[in-house]
Amino acid sequence: MMKSPAPENMYLPDVESHESDGHYGKMIAMARAGGMTPPGIWHLFAFKPRMTDALSAFTHEVMRGPSPLSAGLRELIAAYTSRRNACVF
């Protein structure tokens, strides 16, 4: 199995270097402590939580809410789409 390339920098140094003690800030810290590079979207969610709460809730509902498609199938569709768009997922 091919290893995915490391994500590129977002080129938003203020967003990427922002320290947050909120939910996503803690997730970023845990990922880094485990030697992993956190997904860029986490940085955006941690930077402006009030502005991104609605996006987070929307994404959760789309991926986990009631649907004729299982959550696993929705994840597979998202991963396939990301890969087709050359986006590390």
C-alpha atoms as a PDB file:
ATOM      1  CA  MET A   1       0.000   0.000   0.000  1.00  0.00           C
ATOM      2  CA  MET A   2       1.341   3.434  -0.961  1.00  0.00           C
ATOM      3  CA  LYS A   3       1.964   5.899   1.819  1.00  0.00           C
ATOM      4  CA  SER A   4       0.184   9.222   1.348  1.00  0.00           C
ATOM      5  CA  PRO A   5       2.450  12.233   0.912  1.00  0.00           C
ATOM      6  CA  ALA A   6       2.687  14.666   3.819  1.00  0.00           C
ATOM      7  CA  PRO A   7       0.138  17.474   3.544  1.00  0.00           C
ATOM      8  CA  GLU A   8       1.458  20.725   2.196  1.00  0.00           C
ATOM      9  CA  ASN A   9       1.479  23.871   4.301  1.00  0.00           C
ATOM     10  CA  MET A  10      -1.651  25.967   4.086  1.00  0.00           C
ATOM     11  CA  TYR A  11       0.410  29.149   3.615  1.00  0.00           C
ATOM     12  CA  LEU A  12      -1.612  30.748   6.401  1.00  0.00           C
ATOM     13  CA  PRO A  13       1.025  31.075   9.137  1.00  0.00           C
ATOM     14  CA  ASP A  14      -1.295  32.917  11.542  1.00  0.00           C
ATOM     15  CA  VAL A  15      -3.856  30.116  11.261  1.00  0.00           C
ATOM     16  CA  GLU A  16      -1.350  27.260  11.471  1.00  0.00           C
ATOM     17  CA  SER A  17       0.579  28.717  14.421  1.00  0.00           C
ATOM     18  CA  HIS A  18      -2.511  29.806  16.392  1.00  0.00           C
ATOM     19  CA  GLU A  19      -2.613  28.145  19.821  1.00  0.00           C
ATOM     20  CA  SER A  20      -6.102  27.089  20.892  1.00  0.00           C
ATOM     21  CA  ASP A  21      -7.310  25.346  24.025  1.00  0.00           C
ATOM     22  CA  GLY A  22     -10.620  24.422  22.401  1.00  0.00           C
ATOM     23  CA  HIS A  23     -11.655  21.037  21.035  1.00  0.00           C
ATOM     24  CA  TYR A  24      -9.724  21.290  17.768  1.00  0.00           C
ATOM     25  CA  GLY A  25      -6.700  22.846  19.461  1.00  0.00           C
ATOM     26  CA  LYS A  26      -6.531  19.815  21.733  1.00  0.00           C
ATOM     27  CA  MET A  27      -6.896  17.469  18.753  1.00  0.00           C
ATOM     28  CA  ILE A  28      -4.018  19.271  17.001  1.00  0.00           C
ATOM     29  CA  ALA A  29      -1.849  18.950  20.101  1.00  0.00           C
ATOM     30  CA  MET A  30      -2.628  15.224  20.434  1.00  0.00           C
ATOM     31  CA  ALA A  31      -1.849  14.591  16.752  1.00  0.00           C
ATOM     32  CA  ARG A  32       1.462  16.419  17.026  1.00  0.00           C
ATOM     33  CA  ALA A  33       2.328  14.597  20.259  1.00  0.00           C
ATOM     34  CA  GLY A  34       1.726  11.324  18.399  1.00  0.00           C
ATOM     35  CA  GLY A  35       4.074  12.393  15.592  1.00  0.00           C
ATOM     36  CA  MET A  36       1.242  12.999  13.120  1.00  0.00           C
ATOM     37  CA  THR A  37       0.539  16.038  10.989  1.00  0.00           C
ATOM     38  CA  PRO A  38      -2.965  17.292  11.792  1.00  0.00           C
ATOM     39  CA  PRO A  39      -5.337  17.929   8.877  1.00  0.00           C
ATOM     40  CA  GLY A  40      -5.335  21.566   7.755  1.00  0.00           C
ATOM     41  CA  ILE A  41      -9.064  21.926   8.350  1.00  0.00           C
ATOM     42  CA  TRP A  42      -8.467  21.417  12.079  1.00  0.00           C
ATOM     43  CA  HIS A  43      -6.338  24.568  12.075  1.00  0.00           C
ATOM     44  CA  LEU A  44      -9.196  26.546  10.543  1.00  0.00           C
ATOM     45  CA  PHE A  45     -11.683  25.154  13.063  1.00  0.00           C
ATOM     46  CA  ALA A  46      -9.314  25.998  15.948  1.00  0.00           C
ATOM     47  CA  PHE A  47      -8.553  29.502  14.639  1.00  0.00           C
ATOM     48  CA  LYS A  48     -12.125  30.813  14.494  1.00  0.00           C
ATOM     49  CA  PRO A  49     -14.361  28.351  16.376  1.00  0.00           C
ATOM     50  CA  ARG A  50     -17.472  30.559  16.347  1.00  0.00           C
ATOM     51  CA  MET A  51     -17.227  30.935  12.580  1.00  0.00           C
ATOM     52  CA  THR A  52     -16.637  27.248  11.918  1.00  0.00           C
ATOM     53  CA  ASP A  53     -19.084  25.657  14.381  1.00  0.00           C
ATOM     54  CA  ALA A  54     -21.820  25.687  11.728  1.00  0.00           C
ATOM     55  CA  LEU A  55     -19.512  24.038   9.163  1.00  0.00           C
ATOM     56  CA  SER A  56     -18.526  21.398  11.697  1.00  0.00           C
ATOM     57  CA  ALA A  57     -22.175  20.690  12.578  1.00  0.00           C
ATOM     58  CA  PHE A  58     -23.099  20.531   8.873  1.00  0.00           C
ATOM     59  CA  THR A  59     -20.276  18.113   8.101  1.00  0.00           C
ATOM     60  CA  HIS A  60     -21.182  15.921  11.065  1.00  0.00           C
ATOM     61  CA  GLU A  61     -24.840  15.773   9.984  1.00  0.00           C
ATOM     62  CA  VAL A  62     -23.919  14.949   6.379  1.00  0.00           C
ATOM     63  CA  MET A  63     -21.484  12.216   7.382  1.00  0.00           C
ATOM     64  CA  ARG A  64     -23.246  10.785  10.449  1.00  0.00           C
ATOM     65  CA  GLY A  65     -26.900  11.873  10.294  1.00  0.00           C
ATOM     66  CA  PRO A  66     -29.821   9.792   9.048  1.00  0.00           C
ATOM     67  CA  SER A  67     -29.329   8.626   5.467  1.00  0.00           C
ATOM     68  CA  PRO A  68     -30.081   5.685   3.186  1.00  0.00           C
ATOM     69  CA  LEU A  69     -26.266   5.395   2.873  1.00  0.00           C
ATOM     70  CA  SER A  70     -24.272   3.938   5.757  1.00  0.00           C
ATOM     71  CA  ALA A  71     -21.697   6.172   7.481  1.00  0.00           C
ATOM     72  CA  GLY A  72     -18.983   3.850   6.143  1.00  0.00           C
ATOM     73  CA  LEU A  73     -20.172   4.238   2.557  1.00  0.00           C
ATOM     74  CA  ARG A  74     -20.286   8.031   2.959  1.00  0.00           C
ATOM     75  CA  GLU A  75     -16.695   7.947   4.260  1.00  0.00           C
ATOM     76  CA  LEU A  76     -15.669   5.805   1.285  1.00  0.00           C
ATOM     77  CA  ILE A  77     -17.307   8.256  -1.145  1.00  0.00           C
ATOM     78  CA  ALA A  78     -15.534  11.178   0.584  1.00  0.00           C
ATOM     79  CA  ALA A  79     -12.172   9.392   0.481  1.00  0.00           C
ATOM     80  CA  TYR A  80     -12.601   8.466  -3.187  1.00  0.00           C
ATOM     81  CA  THR A  81     -13.598  12.030  -4.092  1.00  0.00           C
ATOM     82  CA  SER A  82     -10.660  13.463  -2.160  1.00  0.00           C
ATOM     83  CA  ARG A  83      -8.248  11.108  -3.875  1.00  0.00           C
ATOM     84  CA  ARG A  84      -9.644  11.975  -7.321  1.00  0.00           C
ATOM     85  CA  ASN A  85      -9.085  15.638  -6.447  1.00  0.00           C
ATOM     86  CA  ALA A  86      -5.491  14.895  -5.351  1.00  0.00           C
ATOM     87  CA  CYS A  87      -6.442  15.837  -1.791  1.00  0.00           C
ATOM     88  CA  VAL A  88      -4.879  13.885   1.076  1.00  0.00           C
ATOM     89  CA  PHE A  89      -7.781  12.468   3.059  1.00  0.00           C
END
